[in-house]
Amino acid sequence: MELRIYNPQDDGFIQKIEWNFEELKNEITVASEEYAVSVYTDDAIKAAKADRAKLNKFVDAMEAKRKELKKKVMVPYEQFEKEEKELVAIVQRAIDNIDTQVKDYERRQREEKTAKIREFYDDNIHDIEKYLPFERVFKPEYANASTTMKSVKEDILEMIQKVDEGLAILNEVDSPYAGDMKEVFLRTYDIGQAIAERNRLEAAEQKRKEYEAERAKAKAEQEARRKAEAQAVMAAGKKQEEKTAEPESQQTAVPVPAVEIVEESIHVLDFRVYATSIQLAGLKQYLKTNGIRFEPVPKQ
């Protein structure tokens, strides 16, 4: 089968449409240059419209002739195109028939090869199938005719060994993050990523412990300062009490009859205290504990 063109021959096609291009170009150039610089006054608008109509008429005539020639030139081509497409359609039916059979054959070949690959997988996966299912092992290109079974088997055995060894390592790991490591490994089948996950979690836990320790230390230091300040306030109050009670002790040092009951005098002492809120709270508690009555000093 060979397509032959009898008419026109290669040298019989229209090579060029000959027309008065140069003549028209010269005339149009001169006229257009004149019109391009023309200035029309308001009184000359009628003339401007006439000139525009004349030029538009010329352009319309040129475009009409171009379309007419194109239509004439395309007549033999369009007839040839119609006939050519008719022949292509006839051939395409044959191509489609062959293509359907070829694709069906290739599909069956892929299915047969996939079945053989599945059989090899089943014979070698042993007890780790739930960790490495066939769907995670199989690659679409394995079923291609260009991919050899030898290379497919090598890939599968390598993957099985990799997962088997990784699981063995994880089973020996003594870490609170062993579960997290296994989850990462079964997602990536990369023991390096599993170990990196453990390191990340351990580092995060260490930072958390350090943070908690710093908080506990700061809290203990704050509590110690509060107690020290309260004790200082209480000590200051006790010292003041001893100084106040000293003259009374000297006065009551005179021997008295054993049967005589002497009621202790109540002393009133006004003084100003300079202390923090914590110290004032400690002083107030001390006064209450020792039964010492206190009240605001009346303003003068």
C-alpha atoms as a PDB file:
ATOM      1  CA  MET A   1       0.000   0.000   0.000  1.00  0.00           C
ATOM      2  CA  GLU A   2       1.370   3.361  -1.062  1.00  0.00           C
ATOM      3  CA  LEU A   3      -0.235   6.754  -1.537  1.00  0.00           C
ATOM      4  CA  ARG A   4       0.438   8.319  -4.937  1.00  0.00           C
ATOM      5  CA  ILE A   5      -0.529  11.864  -6.047  1.00  0.00           C
ATOM      6  CA  TYR A   6      -1.135  11.984  -9.807  1.00  0.00           C
ATOM      7  CA  ASN A   7      -2.285  15.572 -10.165  1.00  0.00           C
ATOM      8  CA  PRO A   8      -0.920  18.000  -9.421  1.00  0.00           C
ATOM      9  CA  GLN A   9       2.679  16.810  -9.423  1.00  0.00           C
ATOM     10  CA  ASP A  10       5.201  18.443  -7.093  1.00  0.00           C
ATOM     11  CA  ASP A  11       5.956  21.093  -9.694  1.00  0.00           C
ATOM     12  CA  GLY A  12       2.282  21.461 -10.584  1.00  0.00           C
ATOM     13  CA  PHE A  13       1.147  23.029  -7.308  1.00  0.00           C
ATOM     14  CA  ILE A  14       0.536  26.757  -7.316  1.00  0.00           C
ATOM     15  CA  GLN A  15       3.873  28.194  -6.300  1.00  0.00           C
ATOM     16  CA  LYS A  16       2.779  31.820  -6.221  1.00  0.00           C
ATOM     17  CA  ILE A  17      -0.322  33.905  -6.883  1.00  0.00           C
ATOM     18  CA  GLU A  18       0.745  36.618  -9.265  1.00  0.00           C
ATOM     19  CA  TRP A  19      -0.989  39.973  -9.003  1.00  0.00           C
ATOM     20  CA  ASN A  20      -0.229  43.724  -9.148  1.00  0.00           C
ATOM     21  CA  PHE A  21       1.246  43.829  -5.646  1.00  0.00           C
ATOM     22  CA  GLU A  22       4.051  46.321  -6.319  1.00  0.00           C
ATOM     23  CA  GLU A  23       1.804  48.640  -8.342  1.00  0.00           C
ATOM     24  CA  LEU A  24      -0.843  48.769  -5.641  1.00  0.00           C
ATOM     25  CA  LYS A  25       1.765  49.082  -2.910  1.00  0.00           C
ATOM     26  CA  ASN A  26       3.217  52.228  -4.473  1.00  0.00           C
ATOM     27  CA  GLU A  27      -0.204  53.817  -4.996  1.00  0.00           C
ATOM     28  CA  ILE A  28      -1.441  52.883  -1.529  1.00  0.00           C
ATOM     29  CA  THR A  29       1.729  54.071   0.193  1.00  0.00           C
ATOM     30  CA  VAL A  30       1.516  57.542  -1.400  1.00  0.00           C
ATOM     31  CA  ALA A  31      -2.198  57.897  -0.707  1.00  0.00           C
ATOM     32  CA  SER A  32      -1.988  56.551   2.840  1.00  0.00           C
ATOM     33  CA  GLU A  33       0.886  58.859   3.763  1.00  0.00           C
ATOM     34  CA  GLU A  34      -1.186  61.800   2.560  1.00  0.00           C
ATOM     35  CA  TYR A  35      -4.256  60.694   4.507  1.00  0.00           C
ATOM     36  CA  ALA A  36      -2.145  59.829   7.608  1.00  0.00           C
ATOM     37  CA  VAL A  37      -1.076  63.471   8.059  1.00  0.00           C
ATOM     38  CA  SER A  38      -4.310  65.102   6.898  1.00  0.00           C
ATOM     39  CA  VAL A  39      -6.053  67.446   9.344  1.00  0.00           C
ATOM     40  CA  TYR A  40      -9.801  67.930   8.917  1.00  0.00           C
ATOM     41  CA  THR A  41     -11.520  71.000  10.296  1.00  0.00           C
ATOM     42  CA  ASP A  42     -15.040  70.842  11.644  1.00  0.00           C
ATOM     43  CA  ASP A  43     -16.278  72.167   8.329  1.00  0.00           C
ATOM     44  CA  ALA A  44     -14.480  69.324   6.488  1.00  0.00           C
ATOM     45  CA  ILE A  45     -15.937  66.424   8.493  1.00  0.00           C
ATOM     46  CA  LYS A  46     -18.163  65.490   5.542  1.00  0.00           C
ATOM     47  CA  ALA A  47     -15.068  65.132   3.362  1.00  0.00           C
ATOM     48  CA  ALA A  48     -13.329  63.114   6.126  1.00  0.00           C
ATOM     49  CA  LYS A  49     -16.225  60.668   6.215  1.00  0.00           C
ATOM     50  CA  ALA A  50     -16.111  60.323   2.438  1.00  0.00           C
ATOM     51  CA  ASP A  51     -12.361  59.607   2.502  1.00  0.00           C
ATOM     52  CA  ARG A  52     -12.819  57.034   5.277  1.00  0.00           C
ATOM     53  CA  ALA A  53     -15.599  55.309   3.325  1.00  0.00           C
ATOM     54  CA  LYS A  54     -13.434  55.176   0.196  1.00  0.00           C
ATOM     55  CA  LEU A  55     -10.514  53.595   2.088  1.00  0.00           C
ATOM     56  CA  ASN A  56     -12.775  51.108   3.883  1.00  0.00           C
ATOM     57  CA  LYS A  57     -14.289  50.112   0.553  1.00  0.00           C
ATOM     58  CA  PHE A  58     -10.812  49.406  -0.815  1.00  0.00           C
ATOM     59  CA  VAL A  59      -9.896  47.276   2.232  1.00  0.00           C
ATOM     60  CA  ASP A  60     -13.174  45.348   1.971  1.00  0.00           C
ATOM     61  CA  ALA A  61     -12.498  44.620  -1.693  1.00  0.00           C
ATOM     62  CA  MET A  62      -8.991  43.347  -0.884  1.00  0.00           C
ATOM     63  CA  GLU A  63     -10.280  41.069   1.918  1.00  0.00           C
ATOM     64  CA  ALA A  64     -13.085  39.738  -0.269  1.00  0.00           C
ATOM     65  CA  LYS A  65     -10.633  38.805  -3.023  1.00  0.00           C
ATOM     66  CA  ARG A  66      -8.317  37.091  -0.518  1.00  0.00           C
ATOM     67  CA  LYS A  67     -11.157  34.959   0.831  1.00  0.00           C
ATOM     68  CA  GLU A  68     -12.296  34.115  -2.689  1.00  0.00           C
ATOM     69  CA  LEU A  69      -8.824  32.910  -3.694  1.00  0.00           C
ATOM     70  CA  LYS A  70      -8.429  30.920  -0.489  1.00  0.00           C
ATOM     71  CA  LYS A  71     -11.721  29.158  -1.115  1.00  0.00           C
ATOM     72  CA  LYS A  72     -10.682  28.257  -4.660  1.00  0.00           C
ATOM     73  CA  VAL A  73      -7.261  27.031  -3.555  1.00  0.00           C
ATOM     74  CA  MET A  74      -8.799  24.950  -0.745  1.00  0.00           C
ATOM     75  CA  VAL A  75     -11.350  23.185  -2.959  1.00  0.00           C
ATOM     76  CA  PRO A  76      -8.966  20.435  -4.175  1.00  0.00           C
ATOM     77  CA  TYR A  77      -7.362  20.163  -0.734  1.00  0.00           C
ATOM     78  CA  GLU A  78     -10.694  19.743   1.036  1.00  0.00           C
ATOM     79  CA  GLN A  79     -11.694  17.017  -1.411  1.00  0.00           C
ATOM     80  CA  PHE A  80      -8.377  15.261  -0.845  1.00  0.00           C
ATOM     81  CA  GLU A  81      -8.746  15.621   2.947  1.00  0.00           C
ATOM     82  CA  LYS A  82     -12.215  14.029   2.873  1.00  0.00           C
ATOM     83  CA  GLU A  83     -11.002  11.073   0.810  1.00  0.00           C
ATOM     84  CA  GLU A  84      -7.861  10.653   2.931  1.00  0.00           C
ATOM     85  CA  LYS A  85      -9.882  10.517   6.156  1.00  0.00           C
ATOM     86  CA  GLU A  86     -12.159   7.876   4.637  1.00  0.00           C
ATOM     87  CA  LEU A  87      -9.157   5.666   3.955  1.00  0.00           C
ATOM     88  CA  VAL A  88      -7.710   6.288   7.424  1.00  0.00           C
ATOM     89  CA  ALA A  89     -11.009   5.222   9.000  1.00  0.00           C
ATOM     90  CA  ILE A  90     -10.892   1.930   7.079  1.00  0.00           C
ATOM     91  CA  VAL A  91      -7.354   1.249   8.260  1.00  0.00           C
ATOM     92  CA  GLN A  92      -8.154   2.373  11.809  1.00  0.00           C
ATOM     93  CA  ARG A  93     -10.763  -0.381  12.157  1.00  0.00           C
ATOM     94  CA  ALA A  94      -8.050  -2.925  11.454  1.00  0.00           C
ATOM     95  CA  ILE A  95      -5.668  -1.202  13.859  1.00  0.00           C
ATOM     96  CA  ASP A  96      -8.303  -1.203  16.604  1.00  0.00           C
ATOM     97  CA  ASN A  97      -8.908  -4.924  16.141  1.00  0.00           C
ATOM     98  CA  ILE A  98      -5.209  -5.720  16.401  1.00  0.00           C
ATOM     99  CA  ASP A  99      -4.705  -3.295  19.277  1.00  0.00           C
ATOM    100  CA  THR A 100      -7.482  -4.949  21.296  1.00  0.00           C
ATOM    101  CA  GLN A 101      -5.851  -8.358  20.902  1.00  0.00           C
ATOM    102  CA  VAL A 102      -2.376  -7.057  21.731  1.00  0.00           C
ATOM    103  CA  LYS A 103      -3.598  -5.296  24.852  1.00  0.00           C
ATOM    104  CA  ASP A 104      -5.540  -8.379  25.942  1.00  0.00           C
ATOM    105  CA  TYR A 105      -2.395 -10.473  25.517  1.00  0.00           C
ATOM    106  CA  GLU A 106      -0.316  -7.978  27.479  1.00  0.00           C
ATOM    107  CA  ARG A 107      -2.962  -7.923  30.237  1.00  0.00           C
ATOM    108  CA  ARG A 108      -2.918 -11.713  30.493  1.00  0.00           C
ATOM    109  CA  GLN A 109       0.874 -11.711  30.553  1.00  0.00           C
ATOM    110  CA  ARG A 110       0.881  -9.164  33.383  1.00  0.00           C
ATOM    111  CA  GLU A 111      -1.671 -11.178  35.343  1.00  0.00           C
ATOM    112  CA  GLU A 112       0.314 -14.400  34.899  1.00  0.00           C
ATOM    113  CA  LYS A 113       3.534 -12.710  35.946  1.00  0.00           C
ATOM    114  CA  THR A 114       1.844 -11.078  38.935  1.00  0.00           C
ATOM    115  CA  ALA A 115       0.553 -14.501  40.007  1.00  0.00           C
ATOM    116  CA  LYS A 116       4.076 -15.937  39.821  1.00  0.00           C
ATOM    117  CA  ILE A 117       5.396 -13.012  41.855  1.00  0.00           C
ATOM    118  CA  ARG A 118       2.658 -13.584  44.453  1.00  0.00           C
ATOM    119  CA  GLU A 119       3.557 -17.268  44.631  1.00  0.00           C
ATOM    120  CA  PHE A 120       7.224 -16.421  45.203  1.00  0.00           C
ATOM    121  CA  TYR A 121       6.218 -13.929  47.892  1.00  0.00           C
ATOM    122  CA  ASP A 122       4.022 -16.500  49.669  1.00  0.00           C
ATOM    123  CA  ASP A 123       6.854 -19.050  49.661  1.00  0.00           C
ATOM    124  CA  ASN A 124       9.303 -16.641  51.281  1.00  0.00           C
ATOM    125  CA  ILE A 125       7.372 -14.251  53.536  1.00  0.00           C
ATOM    126  CA  HIS A 126       6.959 -16.815  56.380  1.00  0.00           C
ATOM    127  CA  ASP A 127       5.651 -15.274  59.629  1.00  0.00           C
ATOM    128  CA  ILE A 128       6.045 -11.571  58.864  1.00  0.00           C
ATOM    129  CA  GLU A 129       3.250 -11.277  56.301  1.00  0.00           C
ATOM    130  CA  LYS A 130       1.174  -9.089  58.640  1.00  0.00           C
ATOM    131  CA  TYR A 131       4.081  -6.657  58.878  1.00  0.00           C
ATOM    132  CA  LEU A 132       4.977  -6.791  55.161  1.00  0.00           C
ATOM    133  CA  PRO A 133       1.829  -7.452  53.079  1.00  0.00           C
ATOM    134  CA  PHE A 134       2.097  -8.244  49.386  1.00  0.00           C
ATOM    135  CA  GLU A 135       0.611  -4.864  48.464  1.00  0.00           C
ATOM    136  CA  ARG A 136       3.579  -3.129  50.114  1.00  0.00           C
ATOM    137  CA  VAL A 137       6.065  -5.339  48.272  1.00  0.00           C
ATOM    138  CA  PHE A 138       4.612  -5.391  44.758  1.00  0.00           C
ATOM    139  CA  LYS A 139       5.529  -2.618  42.335  1.00  0.00           C
ATOM    140  CA  PRO A 140       3.577  -2.090  39.063  1.00  0.00           C
ATOM    141  CA  GLU A 141       6.754  -2.257  37.000  1.00  0.00           C
ATOM    142  CA  TYR A 142       7.349  -5.819  38.230  1.00  0.00           C
ATOM    143  CA  ALA A 143       4.606  -6.998  35.835  1.00  0.00           C
ATOM    144  CA  ASN A 144       6.225  -5.356  32.797  1.00  0.00           C
ATOM    145  CA  ALA A 145       7.757  -7.696  30.241  1.00  0.00           C
ATOM    146  CA  SER A 146      10.966  -5.660  30.384  1.00  0.00           C
ATOM    147  CA  THR A 147      11.441  -6.463  34.092  1.00  0.00           C
ATOM    148  CA  THR A 148      13.052  -9.853  34.668  1.00  0.00           C
ATOM    149  CA  MET A 149      11.808 -12.275  37.317  1.00  0.00           C
ATOM    150  CA  LYS A 150      15.379 -12.529  38.590  1.00  0.00           C
ATOM    151  CA  SER A 151      15.467  -8.847  39.515  1.00  0.00           C
ATOM    152  CA  VAL A 152      11.953  -9.043  40.998  1.00  0.00           C
ATOM    153  CA  LYS A 153      12.906 -11.975  43.241  1.00  0.00           C
ATOM    154  CA  GLU A 154      16.052 -10.204  44.384  1.00  0.00           C
ATOM    155  CA  ASP A 155      14.039  -7.106  45.326  1.00  0.00           C
ATOM    156  CA  ILE A 156      11.474  -9.129  47.275  1.00  0.00           C
ATOM    157  CA  LEU A 157      14.072 -11.158  49.181  1.00  0.00           C
ATOM    158  CA  GLU A 158      15.962  -7.988  50.025  1.00  0.00           C
ATOM    159  CA  MET A 159      12.808  -6.337  51.356  1.00  0.00           C
ATOM    160  CA  ILE A 160      11.847  -9.410  53.420  1.00  0.00           C
ATOM    161  CA  GLN A 161      15.320  -9.597  54.939  1.00  0.00           C
ATOM    162  CA  LYS A 162      15.312  -5.874  55.708  1.00  0.00           C
ATOM    163  CA  VAL A 163      11.978  -6.034  57.532  1.00  0.00           C
ATOM    164  CA  ASP A 164      12.847  -9.275  59.333  1.00  0.00           C
ATOM    165  CA  GLU A 165      16.116  -7.850  60.646  1.00  0.00           C
ATOM    166  CA  GLY A 166      14.460  -4.578  61.621  1.00  0.00           C
ATOM    167  CA  LEU A 167      11.784  -6.364  63.643  1.00  0.00           C
ATOM    168  CA  ALA A 168      14.448  -8.468  65.370  1.00  0.00           C
ATOM    169  CA  ILE A 169      16.299  -5.321  66.411  1.00  0.00           C
ATOM    170  CA  LEU A 170      13.124  -3.674  67.696  1.00  0.00           C
ATOM    171  CA  ASN A 171      12.206  -6.756  69.737  1.00  0.00           C
ATOM    172  CA  GLU A 172      15.482  -6.356  71.642  1.00  0.00           C
ATOM    173  CA  VAL A 173      14.995  -2.650  72.326  1.00  0.00           C
ATOM    174  CA  ASP A 174      14.427  -1.845  76.009  1.00  0.00           C
ATOM    175  CA  SER A 175      12.833   1.554  75.804  1.00  0.00           C
ATOM    176  CA  PRO A 176       9.507   3.130  76.771  1.00  0.00           C
ATOM    177  CA  TYR A 177       9.378   4.303  73.163  1.00  0.00           C
ATOM    178  CA  ALA A 178       9.669   0.839  71.589  1.00  0.00           C
ATOM    179  CA  GLY A 179       6.061   1.067  70.400  1.00  0.00           C
ATOM    180  CA  ASP A 180       6.689   4.415  68.723  1.00  0.00           C
ATOM    181  CA  MET A 181       9.805   3.020  67.064  1.00  0.00           C
ATOM    182  CA  LYS A 182       7.884   0.036  65.710  1.00  0.00           C
ATOM    183  CA  GLU A 183       5.142   2.271  64.357  1.00  0.00           C
ATOM    184  CA  VAL A 184       7.675   4.378  62.440  1.00  0.00           C
ATOM    185  CA  PHE A 185       9.497   1.289  61.175  1.00  0.00           C
ATOM    186  CA  LEU A 186       6.338  -0.377  59.858  1.00  0.00           C
ATOM    187  CA  ARG A 187       5.422   2.837  58.095  1.00  0.00           C
ATOM    188  CA  THR A 188       8.845   3.369  56.487  1.00  0.00           C
ATOM    189  CA  TYR A 189      10.667   0.020  56.770  1.00  0.00           C
ATOM    190  CA  ASP A 190      13.684   2.098  57.768  1.00  0.00           C
ATOM    191  CA  ILE A 191      15.336   1.148  61.080  1.00  0.00           C
ATOM    192  CA  GLY A 192      17.345   4.371  60.961  1.00  0.00           C
ATOM    193  CA  GLN A 193      14.176   6.457  61.065  1.00  0.00           C
ATOM    194  CA  ALA A 194      12.855   4.330  63.937  1.00  0.00           C
ATOM    195  CA  ILE A 195      16.010   4.972  65.976  1.00  0.00           C
ATOM    196  CA  ALA A 196      15.847   8.670  65.121  1.00  0.00           C
ATOM    197  CA  GLU A 197      12.273   8.744  66.467  1.00  0.00           C
ATOM    198  CA  ARG A 198      13.424   7.202  69.762  1.00  0.00           C
ATOM    199  CA  ASN A 199      16.217   9.768  70.051  1.00  0.00           C
ATOM    200  CA  ARG A 200      13.764  12.568  69.380  1.00  0.00           C
ATOM    201  CA  LEU A 201      11.321  11.359  72.029  1.00  0.00           C
ATOM    202  CA  GLU A 202      14.092  10.822  74.591  1.00  0.00           C
ATOM    203  CA  ALA A 203      15.424  14.329  73.995  1.00  0.00           C
ATOM    204  CA  ALA A 204      11.924  15.766  74.392  1.00  0.00           C
ATOM    205  CA  GLU A 205      11.418  13.846  77.662  1.00  0.00           C
ATOM    206  CA  GLN A 206      14.795  15.028  78.976  1.00  0.00           C
ATOM    207  CA  LYS A 207      13.869  18.626  78.251  1.00  0.00           C
ATOM    208  CA  ARG A 208      10.534  18.125  80.000  1.00  0.00           C
ATOM    209  CA  LYS A 209      12.249  16.723  83.114  1.00  0.00           C
ATOM    210  CA  GLU A 210      14.749  19.578  83.166  1.00  0.00           C
ATOM    211  CA  TYR A 211      11.922  22.068  82.889  1.00  0.00           C
ATOM    212  CA  GLU A 212       9.987  20.423  85.728  1.00  0.00           C
ATOM    213  CA  ALA A 213      13.137  20.312  87.882  1.00  0.00           C
ATOM    214  CA  GLU A 214      13.742  24.014  87.313  1.00  0.00           C
ATOM    215  CA  ARG A 215      10.145  24.787  88.260  1.00  0.00           C
ATOM    216  CA  ALA A 216      10.390  22.675  91.439  1.00  0.00           C
ATOM    217  CA  LYS A 217      13.690  24.318  92.389  1.00  0.00           C
ATOM    218  CA  ALA A 218      12.295  27.807  91.878  1.00  0.00           C
ATOM    219  CA  LYS A 219       9.207  26.929  93.919  1.00  0.00           C
ATOM    220  CA  ALA A 220      11.317  25.503  96.773  1.00  0.00           C
ATOM    221  CA  GLU A 221      13.544  28.576  96.816  1.00  0.00           C
ATOM    222  CA  GLN A 222      10.512  30.845  96.931  1.00  0.00           C
ATOM    223  CA  GLU A 223       8.997  28.833  99.803  1.00  0.00           C
ATOM    224  CA  ALA A 224      12.301  28.903 101.709  1.00  0.00           C
ATOM    225  CA  ARG A 225      12.500  32.681 101.347  1.00  0.00           C
ATOM    226  CA  ARG A 226       8.927  33.031 102.582  1.00  0.00           C
ATOM    227  CA  LYS A 227       9.593  30.891 105.660  1.00  0.00           C
ATOM    228  CA  ALA A 228      12.838  32.716 106.428  1.00  0.00           C
ATOM    229  CA  GLU A 229      11.117  36.077 106.237  1.00  0.00           C
ATOM    230  CA  ALA A 230       8.268  34.851 108.476  1.00  0.00           C
ATOM    231  CA  GLN A 231      10.733  33.480 111.029  1.00  0.00           C
ATOM    232  CA  ALA A 232      12.646  36.739 111.006  1.00  0.00           C
ATOM    233  CA  VAL A 233       9.460  38.664 111.714  1.00  0.00           C
ATOM    234  CA  MET A 234       8.529  36.309 114.540  1.00  0.00           C
ATOM    235  CA  ALA A 235      12.025  36.529 116.033  1.00  0.00           C
ATOM    236  CA  ALA A 236      11.867  40.313 115.917  1.00  0.00           C
ATOM    237  CA  GLY A 237       8.505  40.289 117.685  1.00  0.00           C
ATOM    238  CA  LYS A 238       9.758  37.896 120.365  1.00  0.00           C
ATOM    239  CA  LYS A 239      12.808  40.049 121.052  1.00  0.00           C
ATOM    240  CA  GLN A 240      10.609  43.103 121.445  1.00  0.00           C
ATOM    241  CA  GLU A 241       8.388  41.182 123.875  1.00  0.00           C
ATOM    242  CA  GLU A 242      11.377  40.211 126.003  1.00  0.00           C
ATOM    243  CA  LYS A 243      12.550  43.828 126.191  1.00  0.00           C
ATOM    244  CA  THR A 244       9.088  44.963 127.202  1.00  0.00           C
ATOM    245  CA  ALA A 245       8.745  42.287 129.885  1.00  0.00           C
ATOM    246  CA  GLU A 246      12.219  42.926 131.412  1.00  0.00           C
ATOM    247  CA  PRO A 247      11.248  45.936 133.723  1.00  0.00           C
ATOM    248  CA  GLU A 248       8.212  44.038 134.866  1.00  0.00           C
ATOM    249  CA  SER A 249      10.352  41.073 135.805  1.00  0.00           C
ATOM    250  CA  GLN A 250      12.636  43.307 137.861  1.00  0.00           C
ATOM    251  CA  GLN A 251       9.646  44.832 139.701  1.00  0.00           C
ATOM    252  CA  THR A 252       8.077  41.458 140.454  1.00  0.00           C
ATOM    253  CA  ALA A 253      11.385  40.048 141.685  1.00  0.00           C
ATOM    254  CA  VAL A 254      10.521  41.341 145.225  1.00  0.00           C
ATOM    255  CA  PRO A 255       9.491  38.411 147.427  1.00  0.00           C
ATOM    256  CA  VAL A 256       5.741  38.167 147.965  1.00  0.00           C
ATOM    257  CA  PRO A 257       3.699  35.843 150.051  1.00  0.00           C
ATOM    258  CA  ALA A 258       3.179  32.546 148.328  1.00  0.00           C
ATOM    259  CA  VAL A 259      -0.579  32.741 148.750  1.00  0.00           C
ATOM    260  CA  GLU A 260      -0.928  36.118 147.140  1.00  0.00           C
ATOM    261  CA  ILE A 261      -2.221  36.053 143.577  1.00  0.00           C
ATOM    262  CA  VAL A 262      -0.836  38.862 141.495  1.00  0.00           C
ATOM    263  CA  GLU A 263      -2.523  39.657 138.182  1.00  0.00           C
ATOM    264  CA  GLU A 264       0.012  40.521 135.452  1.00  0.00           C
ATOM    265  CA  SER A 265      -0.245  44.080 134.245  1.00  0.00           C
ATOM    266  CA  ILE A 266      -1.293  44.842 130.670  1.00  0.00           C
ATOM    267  CA  HIS A 267       1.074  47.201 128.889  1.00  0.00           C
ATOM    268  CA  VAL A 268       0.114  49.287 125.865  1.00  0.00           C
ATOM    269  CA  LEU A 269       2.871  49.948 123.345  1.00  0.00           C
ATOM    270  CA  ASP A 270       2.490  51.930 120.125  1.00  0.00           C
ATOM    271  CA  PHE A 271       5.169  51.408 117.474  1.00  0.00           C
ATOM    272  CA  ARG A 272       5.566  51.591 113.686  1.00  0.00           C
ATOM    273  CA  VAL A 273       6.573  48.479 111.732  1.00  0.00           C
ATOM    274  CA  TYR A 274       8.428  48.437 108.407  1.00  0.00           C
ATOM    275  CA  ALA A 275       8.017  45.014 106.798  1.00  0.00           C
ATOM    276  CA  THR A 276       6.995  43.118 103.677  1.00  0.00           C
ATOM    277  CA  SER A 277       3.531  41.601 103.253  1.00  0.00           C
ATOM    278  CA  ILE A 278       4.882  38.184 104.209  1.00  0.00           C
ATOM    279  CA  GLN A 279       6.634  39.597 107.273  1.00  0.00           C
ATOM    280  CA  LEU A 280       3.484  41.423 108.397  1.00  0.00           C
ATOM    281  CA  ALA A 281       1.482  38.219 108.022  1.00  0.00           C
ATOM    282  CA  GLY A 282       4.038  36.391 110.152  1.00  0.00           C
ATOM    283  CA  LEU A 283       3.940  39.100 112.818  1.00  0.00           C
ATOM    284  CA  LYS A 284       0.149  39.017 112.903  1.00  0.00           C
ATOM    285  CA  GLN A 285       0.165  35.239 113.298  1.00  0.00           C
ATOM    286  CA  TYR A 286       2.716  35.464 116.101  1.00  0.00           C
ATOM    287  CA  LEU A 287       0.578  37.987 118.024  1.00  0.00           C
ATOM    288  CA  LYS A 288      -2.490  35.808 117.673  1.00  0.00           C
ATOM    289  CA  THR A 289      -0.622  32.671 118.751  1.00  0.00           C
ATOM    290  CA  ASN A 290       0.647  34.356 121.933  1.00  0.00           C
ATOM    291  CA  GLY A 291      -2.705  35.913 122.846  1.00  0.00           C
ATOM    292  CA  ILE A 292      -1.478  39.477 122.389  1.00  0.00           C
ATOM    293  CA  ARG A 293      -4.300  41.856 121.548  1.00  0.00           C
ATOM    294  CA  PHE A 294      -3.564  44.444 118.885  1.00  0.00           C
ATOM    295  CA  GLU A 295      -5.562  47.143 117.178  1.00  0.00           C
ATOM    296  CA  PRO A 296      -4.982  50.073 114.838  1.00  0.00           C
ATOM    297  CA  VAL A 297      -3.436  53.179 116.417  1.00  0.00           C
ATOM    298  CA  PRO A 298      -5.999  56.012 116.420  1.00  0.00           C
ATOM    299  CA  LYS A 299      -4.945  58.885 114.207  1.00  0.00           C
ATOM    300  CA  GLN A 300      -4.268  62.123 116.103  1.00  0.00           C
END
